[in-house]
Amino acid sequence: IEDPVEAIHLGSLIAAQGYIFPISDHV
């Protein structure tokens, strides 16, 4: 992936499914 925005979007999709989660909040 060349565009960081695309990588962030993909990471957010993975996080939305619960595979990765932030430890500081519930979003």
mmCIF file of all heavy atoms, coordinates in Angstrom:
data_MODEL
# 
_entry.id   MODEL 
# 
loop_
_atom_site.group_PDB 
_atom_site.id 
_atom_site.type_symbol 
_atom_site.label_atom_id 
_atom_site.label_alt_id 
_atom_site.label_comp_id 
_atom_site.label_asym_id 
_atom_site.label_entity_id 
_atom_site.label_seq_id 
_atom_site.pdbx_PDB_ins_code 
_atom_site.Cartn_x 
_atom_site.Cartn_y 
_atom_site.Cartn_z 
_atom_site.occupancy 
_atom_site.B_iso_or_equiv 
_atom_site.pdbx_formal_charge 
_atom_site.auth_seq_id 
_atom_site.auth_comp_id 
_atom_site.auth_asym_id 
_atom_site.auth_atom_id 
_atom_site.pdbx_PDB_model_num 
ATOM 1   N N   . ILE A 1 1  ? 0.854   -1.187  0.000  1.00 0.00 ? 1  ILE A N   1 
ATOM 2   C CA  . ILE A 1 1  ? 0.000   0.000   0.000  1.00 0.00 ? 1  ILE A CA  1 
ATOM 3   C C   . ILE A 1 1  ? 0.888   1.234   0.000  1.00 0.00 ? 1  ILE A C   1 
ATOM 4   O O   . ILE A 1 1  ? 1.782   1.378   0.846  1.00 0.00 ? 1  ILE A O   1 
ATOM 5   C CB  . ILE A 1 1  ? -0.925  0.009   1.238  1.00 0.00 ? 1  ILE A CB  1 
ATOM 6   C CG1 . ILE A 1 1  ? -1.830  -1.229  1.231  1.00 0.00 ? 1  ILE A CG1 1 
ATOM 7   C CG2 . ILE A 1 1  ? -1.770  1.278   1.268  1.00 0.00 ? 1  ILE A CG2 1 
ATOM 8   C CD1 . ILE A 1 1  ? -2.685  -1.366  2.481  1.00 0.00 ? 1  ILE A CD1 1 
ATOM 9   N N   . GLU A 1 2  ? 0.658   2.130   -0.945 1.00 0.00 ? 2  GLU A N   1 
ATOM 10  C CA  . GLU A 1 2  ? 1.502   3.318   -1.067 1.00 0.00 ? 2  GLU A CA  1 
ATOM 11  C C   . GLU A 1 2  ? 0.933   4.519   -0.316 1.00 0.00 ? 2  GLU A C   1 
ATOM 12  O O   . GLU A 1 2  ? 1.678   5.351   0.201  1.00 0.00 ? 2  GLU A O   1 
ATOM 13  C CB  . GLU A 1 2  ? 1.680   3.671   -2.549 1.00 0.00 ? 2  GLU A CB  1 
ATOM 14  C CG  . GLU A 1 2  ? 2.404   2.587   -3.352 1.00 0.00 ? 2  GLU A CG  1 
ATOM 15  C CD  . GLU A 1 2  ? 2.576   2.973   -4.803 1.00 0.00 ? 2  GLU A CD  1 
ATOM 16  O OE1 . GLU A 1 2  ? 2.082   4.074   -5.186 1.00 0.00 ? 2  GLU A OE1 1 
ATOM 17  O OE2 . GLU A 1 2  ? 3.174   2.196   -5.563 1.00 0.00 ? 2  GLU A OE2 1 
ATOM 18  N N   . ASP A 1 3  ? -0.378  4.610   -0.239 1.00 0.00 ? 3  ASP A N   1 
ATOM 19  C CA  . ASP A 1 3  ? -1.018  5.767   0.394  1.00 0.00 ? 3  ASP A CA  1 
ATOM 20  C C   . ASP A 1 3  ? -1.286  5.468   1.868  1.00 0.00 ? 3  ASP A C   1 
ATOM 21  O O   . ASP A 1 3  ? -2.007  4.511   2.198  1.00 0.00 ? 3  ASP A O   1 
ATOM 22  C CB  . ASP A 1 3  ? -2.326  6.085   -0.325 1.00 0.00 ? 3  ASP A CB  1 
ATOM 23  C CG  . ASP A 1 3  ? -2.948  7.398   0.157  1.00 0.00 ? 3  ASP A CG  1 
ATOM 24  O OD1 . ASP A 1 3  ? -2.403  7.995   1.106  1.00 0.00 ? 3  ASP A OD1 1 
ATOM 25  O OD2 . ASP A 1 3  ? -3.976  7.809   -0.419 1.00 0.00 ? 3  ASP A OD2 1 
ATOM 26  N N   . PRO A 1 4  ? -0.732  6.255   2.795  1.00 0.00 ? 4  PRO A N   1 
ATOM 27  C CA  . PRO A 1 4  ? -1.000  6.026   4.229  1.00 0.00 ? 4  PRO A CA  1 
ATOM 28  C C   . PRO A 1 4  ? -2.487  6.096   4.578  1.00 0.00 ? 4  PRO A C   1 
ATOM 29  O O   . PRO A 1 4  ? -2.949  5.395   5.474  1.00 0.00 ? 4  PRO A O   1 
ATOM 30  C CB  . PRO A 1 4  ? -0.220  7.152   4.922  1.00 0.00 ? 4  PRO A CB  1 
ATOM 31  C CG  . PRO A 1 4  ? 0.817   7.576   3.932  1.00 0.00 ? 4  PRO A CG  1 
ATOM 32  C CD  . PRO A 1 4  ? 0.207   7.365   2.582  1.00 0.00 ? 4  PRO A CD  1 
ATOM 33  N N   . VAL A 1 5  ? -3.238  6.939   3.860  1.00 0.00 ? 5  VAL A N   1 
ATOM 34  C CA  . VAL A 1 5  ? -4.677  7.063   4.134  1.00 0.00 ? 5  VAL A CA  1 
ATOM 35  C C   . VAL A 1 5  ? -5.383  5.733   3.870  1.00 0.00 ? 5  VAL A C   1 
ATOM 36  O O   . VAL A 1 5  ? -6.277  5.318   4.615  1.00 0.00 ? 5  VAL A O   1 
ATOM 37  C CB  . VAL A 1 5  ? -5.301  8.180   3.271  1.00 0.00 ? 5  VAL A CB  1 
ATOM 38  C CG1 . VAL A 1 5  ? -6.820  8.234   3.473  1.00 0.00 ? 5  VAL A CG1 1 
ATOM 39  C CG2 . VAL A 1 5  ? -4.673  9.528   3.608  1.00 0.00 ? 5  VAL A CG2 1 
ATOM 40  N N   . GLU A 1 6  ? -4.960  5.049   2.796  1.00 0.00 ? 6  GLU A N   1 
ATOM 41  C CA  . GLU A 1 6  ? -5.555  3.747   2.483  1.00 0.00 ? 6  GLU A CA  1 
ATOM 42  C C   . GLU A 1 6  ? -5.217  2.724   3.569  1.00 0.00 ? 6  GLU A C   1 
ATOM 43  O O   . GLU A 1 6  ? -6.062  1.907   3.961  1.00 0.00 ? 6  GLU A O   1 
ATOM 44  C CB  . GLU A 1 6  ? -5.046  3.264   1.127  1.00 0.00 ? 6  GLU A CB  1 
ATOM 45  C CG  . GLU A 1 6  ? -5.692  1.960   0.676  1.00 0.00 ? 6  GLU A CG  1 
ATOM 46  C CD  . GLU A 1 6  ? -5.186  1.509   -0.685 1.00 0.00 ? 6  GLU A CD  1 
ATOM 47  O OE1 . GLU A 1 6  ? -4.507  2.304   -1.369 1.00 0.00 ? 6  GLU A OE1 1 
ATOM 48  O OE2 . GLU A 1 6  ? -5.461  0.349   -1.057 1.00 0.00 ? 6  GLU A OE2 1 
ATOM 49  N N   . ALA A 1 7  ? -3.977  2.782   4.087  1.00 0.00 ? 7  ALA A N   1 
ATOM 50  C CA  . ALA A 1 7  ? -3.577  1.855   5.156  1.00 0.00 ? 7  ALA A CA  1 
ATOM 51  C C   . ALA A 1 7  ? -4.360  2.129   6.437  1.00 0.00 ? 7  ALA A C   1 
ATOM 52  O O   . ALA A 1 7  ? -4.780  1.193   7.143  1.00 0.00 ? 7  ALA A O   1 
ATOM 53  C CB  . ALA A 1 7  ? -2.072  1.985   5.409  1.00 0.00 ? 7  ALA A CB  1 
ATOM 54  N N   . ILE A 1 8  ? -4.582  3.419   6.746  1.00 0.00 ? 8  ILE A N   1 
ATOM 55  C CA  . ILE A 1 8  ? -5.366  3.772   7.933  1.00 0.00 ? 8  ILE A CA  1 
ATOM 56  C C   . ILE A 1 8  ? -6.803  3.285   7.768  1.00 0.00 ? 8  ILE A C   1 
ATOM 57  O O   . ILE A 1 8  ? -7.420  2.767   8.712  1.00 0.00 ? 8  ILE A O   1 
ATOM 58  C CB  . ILE A 1 8  ? -5.330  5.300   8.158  1.00 0.00 ? 8  ILE A CB  1 
ATOM 59  C CG1 . ILE A 1 8  ? -3.913  5.746   8.510  1.00 0.00 ? 8  ILE A CG1 1 
ATOM 60  C CG2 . ILE A 1 8  ? -6.296  5.702   9.266  1.00 0.00 ? 8  ILE A CG2 1 
ATOM 61  C CD1 . ILE A 1 8  ? -3.740  7.258   8.555  1.00 0.00 ? 8  ILE A CD1 1 
ATOM 62  N N   . HIS A 1 9  ? -7.350  3.450   6.548  1.00 0.00 ? 9  HIS A N   1 
ATOM 63  C CA  . HIS A 1 9  ? -8.716  2.991   6.288  1.00 0.00 ? 9  HIS A CA  1 
ATOM 64  C C   . HIS A 1 9  ? -8.826  1.477   6.473  1.00 0.00 ? 9  HIS A C   1 
ATOM 65  O O   . HIS A 1 9  ? -9.773  0.985   7.111  1.00 0.00 ? 9  HIS A O   1 
ATOM 66  C CB  . HIS A 1 9  ? -9.129  3.382   4.871  1.00 0.00 ? 9  HIS A CB  1 
ATOM 67  C CG  . HIS A 1 9  ? -10.484 2.875   4.476  1.00 0.00 ? 9  HIS A CG  1 
ATOM 68  N ND1 . HIS A 1 9  ? -11.646 3.316   5.065  1.00 0.00 ? 9  HIS A ND1 1 
ATOM 69  C CD2 . HIS A 1 9  ? -10.852 1.941   3.555  1.00 0.00 ? 9  HIS A CD2 1 
ATOM 70  C CE1 . HIS A 1 9  ? -12.681 2.690   4.531  1.00 0.00 ? 9  HIS A CE1 1 
ATOM 71  N NE2 . HIS A 1 9  ? -12.234 1.847   3.613  1.00 0.00 ? 9  HIS A NE2 1 
ATOM 72  N N   . LEU A 1 10 ? -7.851  0.733   5.934  1.00 0.00 ? 10 LEU A N   1 
ATOM 73  C CA  . LEU A 1 10 ? -7.859  -0.718  6.084  1.00 0.00 ? 10 LEU A CA  1 
ATOM 74  C C   . LEU A 1 10 ? -7.731  -1.104  7.563  1.00 0.00 ? 10 LEU A C   1 
ATOM 75  O O   . LEU A 1 10 ? -8.434  -2.005  8.056  1.00 0.00 ? 10 LEU A O   1 
ATOM 76  C CB  . LEU A 1 10 ? -6.723  -1.344  5.273  1.00 0.00 ? 10 LEU A CB  1 
ATOM 77  C CG  . LEU A 1 10 ? -6.573  -2.869  5.397  1.00 0.00 ? 10 LEU A CG  1 
ATOM 78  C CD1 . LEU A 1 10 ? -7.843  -3.576  4.956  1.00 0.00 ? 10 LEU A CD1 1 
ATOM 79  C CD2 . LEU A 1 10 ? -5.375  -3.353  4.586  1.00 0.00 ? 10 LEU A CD2 1 
ATOM 80  N N   . GLY A 1 11 ? -6.842  -0.410  8.283  1.00 0.00 ? 11 GLY A N   1 
ATOM 81  C CA  . GLY A 1 11 ? -6.678  -0.675  9.714  1.00 0.00 ? 11 GLY A CA  1 
ATOM 82  C C   . GLY A 1 11 ? -7.961  -0.411  10.486 1.00 0.00 ? 11 GLY A C   1 
ATOM 83  O O   . GLY A 1 11 ? -8.316  -1.148  11.413 1.00 0.00 ? 11 GLY A O   1 
ATOM 84  N N   . SER A 1 12 ? -8.694  0.643   10.092 1.00 0.00 ? 12 SER A N   1 
ATOM 85  C CA  . SER A 1 12 ? -9.956  0.967   10.776 1.00 0.00 ? 12 SER A CA  1 
ATOM 86  C C   . SER A 1 12 ? -11.014 -0.099  10.500 1.00 0.00 ? 12 SER A C   1 
ATOM 87  O O   . SER A 1 12 ? -11.812 -0.430  11.388 1.00 0.00 ? 12 SER A O   1 
ATOM 88  C CB  . SER A 1 12 ? -10.462 2.336   10.313 1.00 0.00 ? 12 SER A CB  1 
ATOM 89  O OG  . SER A 1 12 ? -9.580  3.362   10.724 1.00 0.00 ? 12 SER A OG  1 
ATOM 90  N N   . LEU A 1 13 ? -11.021 -0.647  9.274  1.00 0.00 ? 13 LEU A N   1 
ATOM 91  C CA  . LEU A 1 13 ? -11.965 -1.720  8.960  1.00 0.00 ? 13 LEU A CA  1 
ATOM 92  C C   . LEU A 1 13 ? -11.668 -2.967  9.796  1.00 0.00 ? 13 LEU A C   1 
ATOM 93  O O   . LEU A 1 13 ? -12.574 -3.638  10.288 1.00 0.00 ? 13 LEU A O   1 
ATOM 94  C CB  . LEU A 1 13 ? -11.894 -2.061  7.468  1.00 0.00 ? 13 LEU A CB  1 
ATOM 95  C CG  . LEU A 1 13 ? -12.420 -0.984  6.497  1.00 0.00 ? 13 LEU A CG  1 
ATOM 96  C CD1 . LEU A 1 13 ? -12.209 -1.419  5.054  1.00 0.00 ? 13 LEU A CD1 1 
ATOM 97  C CD2 . LEU A 1 13 ? -13.895 -0.705  6.749  1.00 0.00 ? 13 LEU A CD2 1 
ATOM 98  N N   . ILE A 1 14 ? -10.378 -3.269  9.958  1.00 0.00 ? 14 ILE A N   1 
ATOM 99  C CA  . ILE A 1 14 ? -9.994  -4.421  10.780 1.00 0.00 ? 14 ILE A CA  1 
ATOM 100 C C   . ILE A 1 14 ? -10.367 -4.175  12.241 1.00 0.00 ? 14 ILE A C   1 
ATOM 101 O O   . ILE A 1 14 ? -10.877 -5.057  12.932 1.00 0.00 ? 14 ILE A O   1 
ATOM 102 C CB  . ILE A 1 14 ? -8.477  -4.695  10.642 1.00 0.00 ? 14 ILE A CB  1 
ATOM 103 C CG1 . ILE A 1 14 ? -8.155  -5.111  9.202  1.00 0.00 ? 14 ILE A CG1 1 
ATOM 104 C CG2 . ILE A 1 14 ? -8.026  -5.768  11.620 1.00 0.00 ? 14 ILE A CG2 1 
ATOM 105 C CD1 . ILE A 1 14 ? -6.663  -5.261  8.932  1.00 0.00 ? 14 ILE A CD1 1 
ATOM 106 N N   . ALA A 1 15 ? -10.125 -2.942  12.714 1.00 0.00 ? 15 ALA A N   1 
ATOM 107 C CA  . ALA A 1 15 ? -10.456 -2.603  14.109 1.00 0.00 ? 15 ALA A CA  1 
ATOM 108 C C   . ALA A 1 15 ? -11.960 -2.634  14.338 1.00 0.00 ? 15 ALA A C   1 
ATOM 109 O O   . ALA A 1 15 ? -12.437 -3.051  15.410 1.00 0.00 ? 15 ALA A O   1 
ATOM 110 C CB  . ALA A 1 15 ? -9.895  -1.226  14.454 1.00 0.00 ? 15 ALA A CB  1 
ATOM 111 N N   . ALA A 1 16 ? -12.741 -2.217  13.342 1.00 0.00 ? 16 ALA A N   1 
ATOM 112 C CA  . ALA A 1 16 ? -14.200 -2.206  13.485 1.00 0.00 ? 16 ALA A CA  1 
ATOM 113 C C   . ALA A 1 16 ? -14.754 -3.602  13.695 1.00 0.00 ? 16 ALA A C   1 
ATOM 114 O O   . ALA A 1 16 ? -15.802 -3.778  14.329 1.00 0.00 ? 16 ALA A O   1 
ATOM 115 C CB  . ALA A 1 16 ? -14.838 -1.565  12.255 1.00 0.00 ? 16 ALA A CB  1 
ATOM 116 N N   . GLN A 1 17 ? -14.062 -4.619  13.186 1.00 0.00 ? 17 GLN A N   1 
ATOM 117 C CA  . GLN A 1 17 ? -14.479 -6.004  13.389 1.00 0.00 ? 17 GLN A CA  1 
ATOM 118 C C   . GLN A 1 17 ? -13.977 -6.563  14.717 1.00 0.00 ? 17 GLN A C   1 
ATOM 119 O O   . GLN A 1 17 ? -14.320 -7.682  15.091 1.00 0.00 ? 17 GLN A O   1 
ATOM 120 C CB  . GLN A 1 17 ? -13.961 -6.883  12.235 1.00 0.00 ? 17 GLN A CB  1 
ATOM 121 C CG  . GLN A 1 17 ? -14.455 -6.481  10.865 1.00 0.00 ? 17 GLN A CG  1 
ATOM 122 C CD  . GLN A 1 17 ? -15.936 -6.724  10.685 1.00 0.00 ? 17 GLN A CD  1 
ATOM 123 O OE1 . GLN A 1 17 ? -16.530 -7.520  11.404 1.00 0.00 ? 17 GLN A OE1 1 
ATOM 124 N NE2 . GLN A 1 17 ? -16.553 -6.035  9.729  1.00 0.00 ? 17 GLN A NE2 1 
ATOM 125 N N   . GLY A 1 18 ? -13.147 -5.790  15.421 1.00 0.00 ? 18 GLY A N   1 
ATOM 126 C CA  . GLY A 1 18 ? -12.707 -6.202  16.751 1.00 0.00 ? 18 GLY A CA  1 
ATOM 127 C C   . GLY A 1 18 ? -11.400 -6.979  16.783 1.00 0.00 ? 18 GLY A C   1 
ATOM 128 O O   . GLY A 1 18 ? -11.006 -7.465  17.851 1.00 0.00 ? 18 GLY A O   1 
ATOM 129 N N   . TYR A 1 19 ? -10.694 -7.092  15.668 1.00 0.00 ? 19 TYR A N   1 
ATOM 130 C CA  . TYR A 1 19 ? -9.443  -7.847  15.659 1.00 0.00 ? 19 TYR A CA  1 
ATOM 131 C C   . TYR A 1 19 ? -8.305  -7.052  16.316 1.00 0.00 ? 19 TYR A C   1 
ATOM 132 O O   . TYR A 1 19 ? -7.375  -7.628  16.863 1.00 0.00 ? 19 TYR A O   1 
ATOM 133 C CB  . TYR A 1 19 ? -9.048  -8.213  14.229 1.00 0.00 ? 19 TYR A CB  1 
ATOM 134 C CG  . TYR A 1 19 ? -9.916  -9.294  13.620 1.00 0.00 ? 19 TYR A CG  1 
ATOM 135 C CD1 . TYR A 1 19 ? -10.986 -8.968  12.798 1.00 0.00 ? 19 TYR A CD1 1 
ATOM 136 C CD2 . TYR A 1 19 ? -9.666  -10.631 13.874 1.00 0.00 ? 19 TYR A CD2 1 
ATOM 137 C CE1 . TYR A 1 19 ? -11.788 -9.957  12.241 1.00 0.00 ? 19 TYR A CE1 1 
ATOM 138 C CE2 . TYR A 1 19 ? -10.458 -11.628 13.315 1.00 0.00 ? 19 TYR A CE2 1 
ATOM 139 C CZ  . TYR A 1 19 ? -11.519 -11.277 12.503 1.00 0.00 ? 19 TYR A CZ  1 
ATOM 140 O OH  . TYR A 1 19 ? -12.312 -12.265 11.961 1.00 0.00 ? 19 TYR A OH  1 
ATOM 141 N N   . ILE A 1 20 ? -8.388  -5.735  16.238 1.00 0.00 ? 20 ILE A N   1 
ATOM 142 C CA  . ILE A 1 20 ? -7.438  -4.834  16.901 1.00 0.00 ? 20 ILE A CA  1 
ATOM 143 C C   . ILE A 1 20 ? -8.272  -3.790  17.628 1.00 0.00 ? 20 ILE A C   1 
ATOM 144 O O   . ILE A 1 20 ? -9.289  -3.332  17.100 1.00 0.00 ? 20 ILE A O   1 
ATOM 145 C CB  . ILE A 1 20 ? -6.505  -4.134  15.889 1.00 0.00 ? 20 ILE A CB  1 
ATOM 146 C CG1 . ILE A 1 20 ? -5.768  -5.161  15.032 1.00 0.00 ? 20 ILE A CG1 1 
ATOM 147 C CG2 . ILE A 1 20 ? -5.501  -3.244  16.605 1.00 0.00 ? 20 ILE A CG2 1 
ATOM 148 C CD1 . ILE A 1 20 ? -4.986  -4.536  13.890 1.00 0.00 ? 20 ILE A CD1 1 
ATOM 149 N N   . PHE A 1 21 ? -7.837  -3.409  18.826 1.00 0.00 ? 21 PHE A N   1 
ATOM 150 C CA  . PHE A 1 21 ? -8.644  -2.426  19.559 1.00 0.00 ? 21 PHE A CA  1 
ATOM 151 C C   . PHE A 1 21 ? -7.739  -1.501  20.370 1.00 0.00 ? 21 PHE A C   1 
ATOM 152 O O   . PHE A 1 21 ? -6.682  -1.913  20.855 1.00 0.00 ? 21 PHE A O   1 
ATOM 153 C CB  . PHE A 1 21 ? -9.640  -3.126  20.485 1.00 0.00 ? 21 PHE A CB  1 
ATOM 154 C CG  . PHE A 1 21 ? -8.999  -4.022  21.512 1.00 0.00 ? 21 PHE A CG  1 
ATOM 155 C CD1 . PHE A 1 21 ? -8.640  -3.525  22.768 1.00 0.00 ? 21 PHE A CD1 1 
ATOM 156 C CD2 . PHE A 1 21 ? -8.736  -5.345  21.237 1.00 0.00 ? 21 PHE A CD2 1 
ATOM 157 C CE1 . PHE A 1 21 ? -8.050  -4.348  23.719 1.00 0.00 ? 21 PHE A CE1 1 
ATOM 158 C CE2 . PHE A 1 21 ? -8.154  -6.183  22.179 1.00 0.00 ? 21 PHE A CE2 1 
ATOM 159 C CZ  . PHE A 1 21 ? -7.810  -5.679  23.421 1.00 0.00 ? 21 PHE A CZ  1 
ATOM 160 N N   . PRO A 1 22 ? -8.144  -0.244  20.519 1.00 0.00 ? 22 PRO A N   1 
ATOM 161 C CA  . PRO A 1 22 ? -7.386  0.689   21.365 1.00 0.00 ? 22 PRO A CA  1 
ATOM 162 C C   . PRO A 1 22 ? -7.628  0.393   22.831 1.00 0.00 ? 22 PRO A C   1 
ATOM 163 O O   . PRO A 1 22 ? -8.722  -0.026  23.211 1.00 0.00 ? 22 PRO A O   1 
ATOM 164 C CB  . PRO A 1 22 ? -7.950  2.057   20.966 1.00 0.00 ? 22 PRO A CB  1 
ATOM 165 C CG  . PRO A 1 22 ? -9.350  1.761   20.508 1.00 0.00 ? 22 PRO A CG  1 
ATOM 166 C CD  . PRO A 1 22 ? -9.299  0.400   19.872 1.00 0.00 ? 22 PRO A CD  1 
ATOM 167 N N   . ILE A 1 23 ? -6.635  0.603   23.650 1.00 0.00 ? 23 ILE A N   1 
ATOM 168 C CA  . ILE A 1 23 ? -6.797  0.300   25.080 1.00 0.00 ? 23 ILE A CA  1 
ATOM 169 C C   . ILE A 1 23 ? -7.258  1.513   25.873 1.00 0.00 ? 23 ILE A C   1 
ATOM 170 O O   . ILE A 1 23 ? -7.570  1.394   27.059 1.00 0.00 ? 23 ILE A O   1 
ATOM 171 C CB  . ILE A 1 23 ? -5.476  -0.232  25.672 1.00 0.00 ? 23 ILE A CB  1 
ATOM 172 C CG1 . ILE A 1 23 ? -4.391  0.854   25.645 1.00 0.00 ? 23 ILE A CG1 1 
ATOM 173 C CG2 . ILE A 1 23 ? -5.006  -1.470  24.924 1.00 0.00 ? 23 ILE A CG2 1 
ATOM 174 C CD1 . ILE A 1 23 ? -3.138  0.485   26.414 1.00 0.00 ? 23 ILE A CD1 1 
ATOM 175 N N   . SER A 1 24 ? -7.334  2.674   25.213 1.00 0.00 ? 24 SER A N   1 
ATOM 176 C CA  . SER A 1 24 ? -7.648  3.907   25.951 1.00 0.00 ? 24 SER A CA  1 
ATOM 177 C C   . SER A 1 24 ? -9.117  4.309   25.862 1.00 0.00 ? 24 SER A C   1 
ATOM 178 O O   . SER A 1 24 ? -9.610  5.052   26.701 1.00 0.00 ? 24 SER A O   1 
ATOM 179 C CB  . SER A 1 24 ? -6.778  5.063   25.448 1.00 0.00 ? 24 SER A CB  1 
ATOM 180 O OG  . SER A 1 24 ? -6.955  5.241   24.044 1.00 0.00 ? 24 SER A OG  1 
ATOM 181 N N   . ASP A 1 25 ? -9.831  3.844   24.827 1.00 0.00 ? 25 ASP A N   1 
ATOM 182 C CA  . ASP A 1 25 ? -11.235 4.217   24.690 1.00 0.00 ? 25 ASP A CA  1 
ATOM 183 C C   . ASP A 1 25 ? -12.015 3.073   24.051 1.00 0.00 ? 25 ASP A C   1 
ATOM 184 O O   . ASP A 1 25 ? -11.466 2.009   23.766 1.00 0.00 ? 25 ASP A O   1 
ATOM 185 C CB  . ASP A 1 25 ? -11.404 5.510   23.884 1.00 0.00 ? 25 ASP A CB  1 
ATOM 186 C CG  . ASP A 1 25 ? -10.776 5.412   22.495 1.00 0.00 ? 25 ASP A CG  1 
ATOM 187 O OD1 . ASP A 1 25 ? -10.961 4.362   21.835 1.00 0.00 ? 25 ASP A OD1 1 
ATOM 188 O OD2 . ASP A 1 25 ? -10.108 6.368   22.060 1.00 0.00 ? 25 ASP A OD2 1 
ATOM 189 N N   . HIS A 1 26 ? -13.308 3.325   23.796 1.00 0.00 ? 26 HIS A N   1 
ATOM 190 C CA  . HIS A 1 26 ? -14.205 2.285   23.273 1.00 0.00 ? 26 HIS A CA  1 
ATOM 191 C C   . HIS A 1 26 ? -14.470 2.446   21.781 1.00 0.00 ? 26 HIS A C   1 
ATOM 192 O O   . HIS A 1 26 ? -15.288 1.714   21.225 1.00 0.00 ? 26 HIS A O   1 
ATOM 193 C CB  . HIS A 1 26 ? -15.541 2.326   24.019 1.00 0.00 ? 26 HIS A CB  1 
ATOM 194 C CG  . HIS A 1 26 ? -15.424 1.994   25.481 1.00 0.00 ? 26 HIS A CG  1 
ATOM 195 N ND1 . HIS A 1 26 ? -15.641 0.729   25.978 1.00 0.00 ? 26 HIS A ND1 1 
ATOM 196 C CD2 . HIS A 1 26 ? -15.104 2.766   26.546 1.00 0.00 ? 26 HIS A CD2 1 
ATOM 197 C CE1 . HIS A 1 26 ? -15.462 0.729   27.287 1.00 0.00 ? 26 HIS A CE1 1 
ATOM 198 N NE2 . HIS A 1 26 ? -15.143 1.957   27.657 1.00 0.00 ? 26 HIS A NE2 1 
ATOM 199 N N   . VAL A 1 27 ? -13.835 3.397   21.127 1.00 0.00 ? 27 VAL A N   1 
ATOM 200 C CA  . VAL A 1 27 ? -14.086 3.657   19.710 1.00 0.00 ? 27 VAL A CA  1 
ATOM 201 C C   . VAL A 1 27 ? -13.098 2.850   18.882 1.00 0.00 ? 27 VAL A C   1 
ATOM 202 O O   . VAL A 1 27 ? -11.885 3.061   18.958 1.00 0.00 ? 27 VAL A O   1 
ATOM 203 C CB  . VAL A 1 27 ? -13.951 5.161   19.393 1.00 0.00 ? 27 VAL A CB  1 
ATOM 204 C CG1 . VAL A 1 27 ? -14.270 5.420   17.930 1.00 0.00 ? 27 VAL A CG1 1 
ATOM 205 C CG2 . VAL A 1 27 ? -14.874 5.979   20.293 1.00 0.00 ? 27 VAL A CG2 1 
# 
